[in-house]
Amino acid sequence: MSPASPRRSRTLTRAEIAELFSRLAELNPNPTTELEYTTPFELLIAVILSAQATDVGVNKATRRLYPVANTPQAILALGEDGLKRYISTIGLFNAKAKNVIATCRILVEQYDGQVPRQREALEALPGVGRKTANVVLNTAFGESTMAVDTHIFRVANRTGLAPGRNVREVEDRLVKVIPPQYLYNAHHWLILHGRYVCKARKPDCPQCVIRDLCRFPDKTVERQE
């Protein structure tokens, strides 16, 4: 009787993590956000608007807004009611309009209309939490931060990459286990993987490039014709 094969840990090994990111990098060498922006300020506002909304929906709104107002001064000139007319198709637009106007006022009064590059300053802006600050620091300013949203939280737990009970726990584990050469792009690879492959209700496991590494026990199978 042959010995039973060793049981795999629920968490990926360092070698498996390196292989996982090697494959994601080969598939998409230069990943980026799907939010449309041309300046750090445009990105900041787009990320604030994206809370509990889709990037597609935000892009539709900012395509109308940014040609008219894409600086803190210009958005302040619109006023809260004027801003709402451009973002009313986005969920929670009333609260978001209030936060955006308050943020623009702080940027004008304290930062000469520029987006600060310090985490503490970003997180002090209305409507900006740790995740939003991480996106801006990474995508606008080139820092190797990890912004954990629902997609990344799901992928990190489901695959065994960086299991955690909350987003901060997952963020801290990801930063610790991701090989340094992959950390800058890791946020984008993981969010795109969660959005298009490792989906919440029905992950597309047959088309997944890391399915043999993944620890998810309930992988979907290809339907036979």
C-alpha atoms as a PDB file:
ATOM      1  CA  MET A   1       0.000   0.000   0.000  1.00  0.00           C
ATOM      2  CA  SER A   2       1.547   3.314  -1.118  1.00  0.00           C
ATOM      3  CA  PRO A   3       1.893   6.056   1.475  1.00  0.00           C
ATOM      4  CA  ALA A   4      -0.693   8.831   1.344  1.00  0.00           C
ATOM      5  CA  SER A   5       0.439  12.024  -0.367  1.00  0.00           C
ATOM      6  CA  PRO A   6       1.293  14.806   2.099  1.00  0.00           C
ATOM      7  CA  ARG A   7      -1.567  17.148   2.840  1.00  0.00           C
ATOM      8  CA  ARG A   8      -0.992  20.719   1.618  1.00  0.00           C
ATOM      9  CA  SER A   9      -1.098  23.609   4.040  1.00  0.00           C
ATOM     10  CA  ARG A  10      -4.015  26.041   3.705  1.00  0.00           C
ATOM     11  CA  THR A  11      -1.450  28.794   3.154  1.00  0.00           C
ATOM     12  CA  LEU A  12       0.789  29.096   0.101  1.00  0.00           C
ATOM     13  CA  THR A  13       4.517  28.589   0.523  1.00  0.00           C
ATOM     14  CA  ARG A  14       6.981  31.331  -0.397  1.00  0.00           C
ATOM     15  CA  ALA A  15       7.958  29.407  -3.527  1.00  0.00           C
ATOM     16  CA  GLU A  16       4.303  29.114  -4.540  1.00  0.00           C
ATOM     17  CA  ILE A  17       3.727  32.830  -3.925  1.00  0.00           C
ATOM     18  CA  ALA A  18       6.688  33.695  -6.142  1.00  0.00           C
ATOM     19  CA  GLU A  19       5.305  31.380  -8.833  1.00  0.00           C
ATOM     20  CA  LEU A  20       1.825  32.896  -8.506  1.00  0.00           C
ATOM     21  CA  PHE A  21       3.075  36.427  -9.148  1.00  0.00           C
ATOM     22  CA  SER A  22       5.426  35.265 -11.879  1.00  0.00           C
ATOM     23  CA  ARG A  23       2.422  33.913 -13.766  1.00  0.00           C
ATOM     24  CA  LEU A  24       0.282  37.012 -13.187  1.00  0.00           C
ATOM     25  CA  ALA A  25       3.191  39.193 -14.337  1.00  0.00           C
ATOM     26  CA  GLU A  26       3.667  37.153 -17.500  1.00  0.00           C
ATOM     27  CA  LEU A  27      -0.046  37.418 -18.269  1.00  0.00           C
ATOM     28  CA  ASN A  28      -0.152  41.196 -17.683  1.00  0.00           C
ATOM     29  CA  PRO A  29       3.312  42.824 -17.458  1.00  0.00           C
ATOM     30  CA  ASN A  30       2.059  46.402 -16.933  1.00  0.00           C
ATOM     31  CA  PRO A  31      -1.179  46.366 -14.933  1.00  0.00           C
ATOM     32  CA  THR A  32      -2.889  49.569 -13.890  1.00  0.00           C
ATOM     33  CA  THR A  33      -6.147  50.882 -12.483  1.00  0.00           C
ATOM     34  CA  GLU A  34      -9.278  50.852 -14.626  1.00  0.00           C
ATOM     35  CA  LEU A  35     -10.237  54.273 -13.288  1.00  0.00           C
ATOM     36  CA  GLU A  36      -9.588  56.995 -15.881  1.00  0.00           C
ATOM     37  CA  TYR A  37      -7.382  59.900 -14.754  1.00  0.00           C
ATOM     38  CA  THR A  38      -4.572  62.164 -15.950  1.00  0.00           C
ATOM     39  CA  THR A  39      -3.439  63.833 -12.691  1.00  0.00           C
ATOM     40  CA  PRO A  40      -3.073  62.766  -9.051  1.00  0.00           C
ATOM     41  CA  PHE A  41      -6.071  64.957  -8.213  1.00  0.00           C
ATOM     42  CA  GLU A  42      -8.281  63.292 -10.829  1.00  0.00           C
ATOM     43  CA  LEU A  43      -7.244  59.890  -9.470  1.00  0.00           C
ATOM     44  CA  LEU A  44      -7.957  60.947  -5.872  1.00  0.00           C
ATOM     45  CA  ILE A  45     -11.474  62.129  -6.734  1.00  0.00           C
ATOM     46  CA  ALA A  46     -12.168  59.032  -8.849  1.00  0.00           C
ATOM     47  CA  VAL A  47     -11.151  56.739  -5.981  1.00  0.00           C
ATOM     48  CA  ILE A  48     -13.319  58.667  -3.507  1.00  0.00           C
ATOM     49  CA  LEU A  49     -16.255  58.294  -5.909  1.00  0.00           C
ATOM     50  CA  SER A  50     -15.552  54.572  -6.447  1.00  0.00           C
ATOM     51  CA  ALA A  51     -16.521  53.483  -2.916  1.00  0.00           C
ATOM     52  CA  GLN A  52     -19.368  50.973  -3.288  1.00  0.00           C
ATOM     53  CA  ALA A  53     -19.516  51.799  -7.011  1.00  0.00           C
ATOM     54  CA  THR A  54     -18.025  50.288 -10.159  1.00  0.00           C
ATOM     55  CA  ASP A  55     -15.071  51.753 -12.019  1.00  0.00           C
ATOM     56  CA  VAL A  56     -17.238  51.775 -15.149  1.00  0.00           C
ATOM     57  CA  GLY A  57     -19.858  53.909 -13.416  1.00  0.00           C
ATOM     58  CA  VAL A  58     -17.252  56.291 -12.006  1.00  0.00           C
ATOM     59  CA  ASN A  59     -15.582  56.689 -15.397  1.00  0.00           C
ATOM     60  CA  LYS A  60     -18.914  57.609 -16.991  1.00  0.00           C
ATOM     61  CA  ALA A  61     -19.380  60.357 -14.407  1.00  0.00           C
ATOM     62  CA  THR A  62     -15.829  61.723 -14.520  1.00  0.00           C
ATOM     63  CA  ARG A  63     -15.905  61.849 -18.322  1.00  0.00           C
ATOM     64  CA  ARG A  64     -18.620  64.473 -17.881  1.00  0.00           C
ATOM     65  CA  LEU A  65     -17.094  66.154 -14.835  1.00  0.00           C
ATOM     66  CA  TYR A  66     -13.394  66.485 -15.647  1.00  0.00           C
ATOM     67  CA  PRO A  67     -13.719  68.467 -18.912  1.00  0.00           C
ATOM     68  CA  VAL A  68     -15.629  71.051 -16.846  1.00  0.00           C
ATOM     69  CA  ALA A  69     -13.820  70.823 -13.496  1.00  0.00           C
ATOM     70  CA  ASN A  70     -10.671  68.793 -12.816  1.00  0.00           C
ATOM     71  CA  THR A  71      -8.918  70.893 -10.168  1.00  0.00           C
ATOM     72  CA  PRO A  72      -9.840  71.585  -6.543  1.00  0.00           C
ATOM     73  CA  GLN A  73     -10.508  75.236  -7.381  1.00  0.00           C
ATOM     74  CA  ALA A  74     -12.808  74.360 -10.300  1.00  0.00           C
ATOM     75  CA  ILE A  75     -14.807  71.821  -8.315  1.00  0.00           C
ATOM     76  CA  LEU A  76     -15.193  74.305  -5.443  1.00  0.00           C
ATOM     77  CA  ALA A  77     -16.543  76.785  -7.982  1.00  0.00           C
ATOM     78  CA  LEU A  78     -19.195  74.243  -8.990  1.00  0.00           C
ATOM     79  CA  GLY A  79     -20.361  73.957  -5.398  1.00  0.00           C
ATOM     80  CA  GLU A  80     -21.919  70.902  -3.811  1.00  0.00           C
ATOM     81  CA  ASP A  81     -25.173  71.097  -5.772  1.00  0.00           C
ATOM     82  CA  GLY A  82     -23.342  71.727  -9.023  1.00  0.00           C
ATOM     83  CA  LEU A  83     -21.078  68.725  -8.420  1.00  0.00           C
ATOM     84  CA  LYS A  84     -24.054  66.483  -7.692  1.00  0.00           C
ATOM     85  CA  ARG A  85     -25.386  67.036 -11.203  1.00  0.00           C
ATOM     86  CA  TYR A  86     -22.301  65.319 -12.603  1.00  0.00           C
ATOM     87  CA  ILE A  87     -22.072  62.421 -10.140  1.00  0.00           C
ATOM     88  CA  SER A  88     -25.752  61.688  -9.435  1.00  0.00           C
ATOM     89  CA  THR A  89     -25.521  58.346 -11.273  1.00  0.00           C
ATOM     90  CA  ILE A  90     -23.055  57.060  -8.670  1.00  0.00           C
ATOM     91  CA  GLY A  91     -24.216  55.410  -5.448  1.00  0.00           C
ATOM     92  CA  LEU A  92     -24.071  57.533  -2.275  1.00  0.00           C
ATOM     93  CA  PHE A  93     -23.520  60.632  -4.428  1.00  0.00           C
ATOM     94  CA  ASN A  94     -24.876  63.041  -1.787  1.00  0.00           C
ATOM     95  CA  ALA A  95     -22.312  62.007   0.813  1.00  0.00           C
ATOM     96  CA  LYS A  96     -19.575  61.796  -1.789  1.00  0.00           C
ATOM     97  CA  ALA A  97     -20.300  65.303  -3.085  1.00  0.00           C
ATOM     98  CA  LYS A  98     -20.021  66.641   0.459  1.00  0.00           C
ATOM     99  CA  ASN A  99     -16.699  64.842   1.000  1.00  0.00           C
ATOM    100  CA  VAL A 100     -15.263  65.916  -2.355  1.00  0.00           C
ATOM    101  CA  ILE A 101     -16.093  69.574  -1.729  1.00  0.00           C
ATOM    102  CA  ALA A 102     -14.590  69.404   1.776  1.00  0.00           C
ATOM    103  CA  THR A 103     -11.482  67.676   0.413  1.00  0.00           C
ATOM    104  CA  CYS A 104     -11.076  70.284  -2.321  1.00  0.00           C
ATOM    105  CA  ARG A 105     -11.318  73.067   0.247  1.00  0.00           C
ATOM    106  CA  ILE A 106      -8.543  71.498   2.351  1.00  0.00           C
ATOM    107  CA  LEU A 107      -6.348  70.980  -0.719  1.00  0.00           C
ATOM    108  CA  VAL A 108      -6.734  74.637  -1.694  1.00  0.00           C
ATOM    109  CA  GLU A 109      -6.295  76.063   1.799  1.00  0.00           C
ATOM    110  CA  GLN A 110      -3.512  73.784   3.060  1.00  0.00           C
ATOM    111  CA  TYR A 111      -1.716  72.317   0.030  1.00  0.00           C
ATOM    112  CA  ASP A 112      -1.901  75.007  -2.662  1.00  0.00           C
ATOM    113  CA  GLY A 113      -4.317  72.827  -4.627  1.00  0.00           C
ATOM    114  CA  GLN A 114      -1.934  69.866  -4.796  1.00  0.00           C
ATOM    115  CA  VAL A 115      -2.496  66.303  -3.577  1.00  0.00           C
ATOM    116  CA  PRO A 116      -0.180  65.565  -0.625  1.00  0.00           C
ATOM    117  CA  ARG A 117       2.178  62.601  -0.891  1.00  0.00           C
ATOM    118  CA  GLN A 118       2.090  61.689   2.814  1.00  0.00           C
ATOM    119  CA  ARG A 119      -0.217  58.938   4.056  1.00  0.00           C
ATOM    120  CA  GLU A 120      -1.268  60.857   7.168  1.00  0.00           C
ATOM    121  CA  ALA A 121      -2.223  63.917   5.142  1.00  0.00           C
ATOM    122  CA  LEU A 122      -4.184  61.838   2.628  1.00  0.00           C
ATOM    123  CA  GLU A 123      -6.061  59.918   5.310  1.00  0.00           C
ATOM    124  CA  ALA A 124      -7.040  63.202   6.979  1.00  0.00           C
ATOM    125  CA  LEU A 125      -9.012  64.231   3.866  1.00  0.00           C
ATOM    126  CA  PRO A 126     -12.818  63.707   4.032  1.00  0.00           C
ATOM    127  CA  GLY A 127     -13.848  60.512   2.254  1.00  0.00           C
ATOM    128  CA  VAL A 128     -10.288  59.162   2.187  1.00  0.00           C
ATOM    129  CA  GLY A 129      -9.454  56.056   4.187  1.00  0.00           C
ATOM    130  CA  ARG A 130      -6.430  53.796   4.203  1.00  0.00           C
ATOM    131  CA  LYS A 131      -7.452  51.981   1.020  1.00  0.00           C
ATOM    132  CA  THR A 132      -7.914  55.196  -0.965  1.00  0.00           C
ATOM    133  CA  ALA A 133      -4.622  56.567   0.347  1.00  0.00           C
ATOM    134  CA  ASN A 134      -2.869  53.366  -0.690  1.00  0.00           C
ATOM    135  CA  VAL A 135      -4.303  53.582  -4.222  1.00  0.00           C
ATOM    136  CA  VAL A 136      -3.145  57.189  -4.618  1.00  0.00           C
ATOM    137  CA  LEU A 137       0.304  56.505  -3.143  1.00  0.00           C
ATOM    138  CA  ASN A 138       0.767  53.498  -5.426  1.00  0.00           C
ATOM    139  CA  THR A 139      -0.801  54.606  -8.682  1.00  0.00           C
ATOM    140  CA  ALA A 140      -0.130  58.350  -8.662  1.00  0.00           C
ATOM    141  CA  PHE A 141       3.142  58.454  -6.731  1.00  0.00           C
ATOM    142  CA  GLY A 142       4.776  55.087  -7.442  1.00  0.00           C
ATOM    143  CA  GLU A 143       4.960  53.676  -3.920  1.00  0.00           C
ATOM    144  CA  SER A 144       4.738  49.928  -3.257  1.00  0.00           C
ATOM    145  CA  THR A 145       1.549  50.049  -1.197  1.00  0.00           C
ATOM    146  CA  MET A 146      -1.216  47.448  -1.022  1.00  0.00           C
ATOM    147  CA  ALA A 147      -4.804  48.696  -1.203  1.00  0.00           C
ATOM    148  CA  VAL A 148      -7.046  45.841  -0.063  1.00  0.00           C
ATOM    149  CA  ASP A 149     -10.598  45.994  -1.393  1.00  0.00           C
ATOM    150  CA  THR A 150     -13.253  43.259  -1.441  1.00  0.00           C
ATOM    151  CA  HIS A 151     -11.686  41.609  -4.504  1.00  0.00           C
ATOM    152  CA  ILE A 152      -8.209  41.414  -3.008  1.00  0.00           C
ATOM    153  CA  PHE A 153      -9.563  40.337   0.379  1.00  0.00           C
ATOM    154  CA  ARG A 154     -11.400  37.469  -1.351  1.00  0.00           C
ATOM    155  CA  VAL A 155      -8.436  36.388  -3.490  1.00  0.00           C
ATOM    156  CA  ALA A 156      -5.985  36.531  -0.596  1.00  0.00           C
ATOM    157  CA  ASN A 157      -8.207  34.344   1.596  1.00  0.00           C
ATOM    158  CA  ARG A 158      -9.547  32.006  -1.065  1.00  0.00           C
ATOM    159  CA  THR A 159      -6.186  31.144  -2.625  1.00  0.00           C
ATOM    160  CA  GLY A 160      -4.291  30.876   0.654  1.00  0.00           C
ATOM    161  CA  LEU A 161      -1.990  33.721  -0.402  1.00  0.00           C
ATOM    162  CA  ALA A 162      -2.521  35.823   2.725  1.00  0.00           C
ATOM    163  CA  PRO A 163      -5.475  34.688   4.846  1.00  0.00           C
ATOM    164  CA  GLY A 164      -6.804  37.260   7.286  1.00  0.00           C
ATOM    165  CA  ARG A 165      -9.937  38.168   9.246  1.00  0.00           C
ATOM    166  CA  ASN A 166     -10.032  41.801   8.121  1.00  0.00           C
ATOM    167  CA  VAL A 167      -8.597  44.012   5.405  1.00  0.00           C
ATOM    168  CA  ARG A 168      -5.751  45.398   7.522  1.00  0.00           C
ATOM    169  CA  GLU A 169      -4.651  41.911   8.522  1.00  0.00           C
ATOM    170  CA  VAL A 170      -4.668  40.840   4.872  1.00  0.00           C
ATOM    171  CA  GLU A 171      -2.792  44.007   3.841  1.00  0.00           C
ATOM    172  CA  ASP A 172      -0.065  43.465   6.423  1.00  0.00           C
ATOM    173  CA  ARG A 173       0.356  39.806   5.432  1.00  0.00           C
ATOM    174  CA  LEU A 174       0.468  40.604   1.723  1.00  0.00           C
ATOM    175  CA  VAL A 175       3.171  43.226   2.208  1.00  0.00           C
ATOM    176  CA  LYS A 176       5.149  40.688   4.218  1.00  0.00           C
ATOM    177  CA  VAL A 177       4.875  37.685   1.854  1.00  0.00           C
ATOM    178  CA  ILE A 178       4.900  39.215  -1.645  1.00  0.00           C
ATOM    179  CA  PRO A 179       8.407  39.145  -3.178  1.00  0.00           C
ATOM    180  CA  PRO A 180       9.767  42.724  -3.376  1.00  0.00           C
ATOM    181  CA  GLN A 181      10.059  42.702  -7.170  1.00  0.00           C
ATOM    182  CA  TYR A 182       6.304  42.120  -7.479  1.00  0.00           C
ATOM    183  CA  LEU A 183       5.006  44.370  -4.698  1.00  0.00           C
ATOM    184  CA  TYR A 184       4.529  47.569  -6.721  1.00  0.00           C
ATOM    185  CA  ASN A 185       2.158  45.915  -9.233  1.00  0.00           C
ATOM    186  CA  ALA A 186       0.629  43.339  -6.878  1.00  0.00           C
ATOM    187  CA  HIS A 187      -2.409  45.470  -5.993  1.00  0.00           C
ATOM    188  CA  HIS A 188      -3.438  45.717  -9.647  1.00  0.00           C
ATOM    189  CA  TRP A 189      -2.789  42.056 -10.459  1.00  0.00           C
ATOM    190  CA  LEU A 190      -4.866  40.873  -7.517  1.00  0.00           C
ATOM    191  CA  ILE A 191      -7.792  43.245  -8.031  1.00  0.00           C
ATOM    192  CA  LEU A 192      -8.028  42.386 -11.742  1.00  0.00           C
ATOM    193  CA  HIS A 193      -7.786  38.678 -10.939  1.00  0.00           C
ATOM    194  CA  GLY A 194     -10.595  39.016  -8.402  1.00  0.00           C
ATOM    195  CA  ARG A 195     -12.723  41.130 -10.714  1.00  0.00           C
ATOM    196  CA  TYR A 196     -12.504  38.938 -13.820  1.00  0.00           C
ATOM    197  CA  VAL A 197     -11.422  35.427 -12.789  1.00  0.00           C
ATOM    198  CA  CYS A 198     -11.720  34.750  -9.055  1.00  0.00           C
ATOM    199  CA  LYS A 199     -15.219  36.220  -8.934  1.00  0.00           C
ATOM    200  CA  ALA A 200     -17.298  36.144  -5.767  1.00  0.00           C
ATOM    201  CA  ARG A 201     -20.233  33.966  -6.771  1.00  0.00           C
ATOM    202  CA  LYS A 202     -18.761  31.796  -9.490  1.00  0.00           C
ATOM    203  CA  PRO A 203     -14.991  31.866  -9.899  1.00  0.00           C
ATOM    204  CA  ASP A 204     -13.741  30.952 -13.367  1.00  0.00           C
ATOM    205  CA  CYS A 205     -11.370  28.268 -12.106  1.00  0.00           C
ATOM    206  CA  PRO A 206     -10.976  26.439 -15.468  1.00  0.00           C
ATOM    207  CA  GLN A 207      -9.467  29.611 -16.967  1.00  0.00           C
ATOM    208  CA  CYS A 208      -7.361  30.524 -13.921  1.00  0.00           C
ATOM    209  CA  VAL A 209      -3.572  30.553 -14.422  1.00  0.00           C
ATOM    210  CA  ILE A 210      -2.920  29.851 -10.727  1.00  0.00           C
ATOM    211  CA  ARG A 211      -5.558  27.160 -10.149  1.00  0.00           C
ATOM    212  CA  ASP A 212      -2.970  24.453  -9.364  1.00  0.00           C
ATOM    213  CA  LEU A 213      -1.477  26.650  -6.621  1.00  0.00           C
ATOM    214  CA  CYS A 214      -4.806  27.828  -5.189  1.00  0.00           C
ATOM    215  CA  ARG A 215      -6.080  26.268  -1.956  1.00  0.00           C
ATOM    216  CA  PHE A 216      -9.781  26.978  -2.619  1.00  0.00           C
ATOM    217  CA  PRO A 217     -11.544  23.632  -2.004  1.00  0.00           C
ATOM    218  CA  ASP A 218     -14.654  24.343  -4.089  1.00  0.00           C
ATOM    219  CA  LYS A 219     -13.102  25.051  -7.483  1.00  0.00           C
ATOM    220  CA  THR A 220     -15.547  25.261 -10.386  1.00  0.00           C
ATOM    221  CA  VAL A 221     -15.176  22.817 -13.258  1.00  0.00           C
ATOM    222  CA  GLU A 222     -15.639  23.272 -16.959  1.00  0.00           C
ATOM    223  CA  ARG A 223     -19.107  22.341 -18.109  1.00  0.00           C
ATOM    224  CA  GLN A 224     -19.151  19.422 -20.550  1.00  0.00           C
ATOM    225  CA  GLU A 225     -21.076  19.935 -23.770  1.00  0.00           C
END
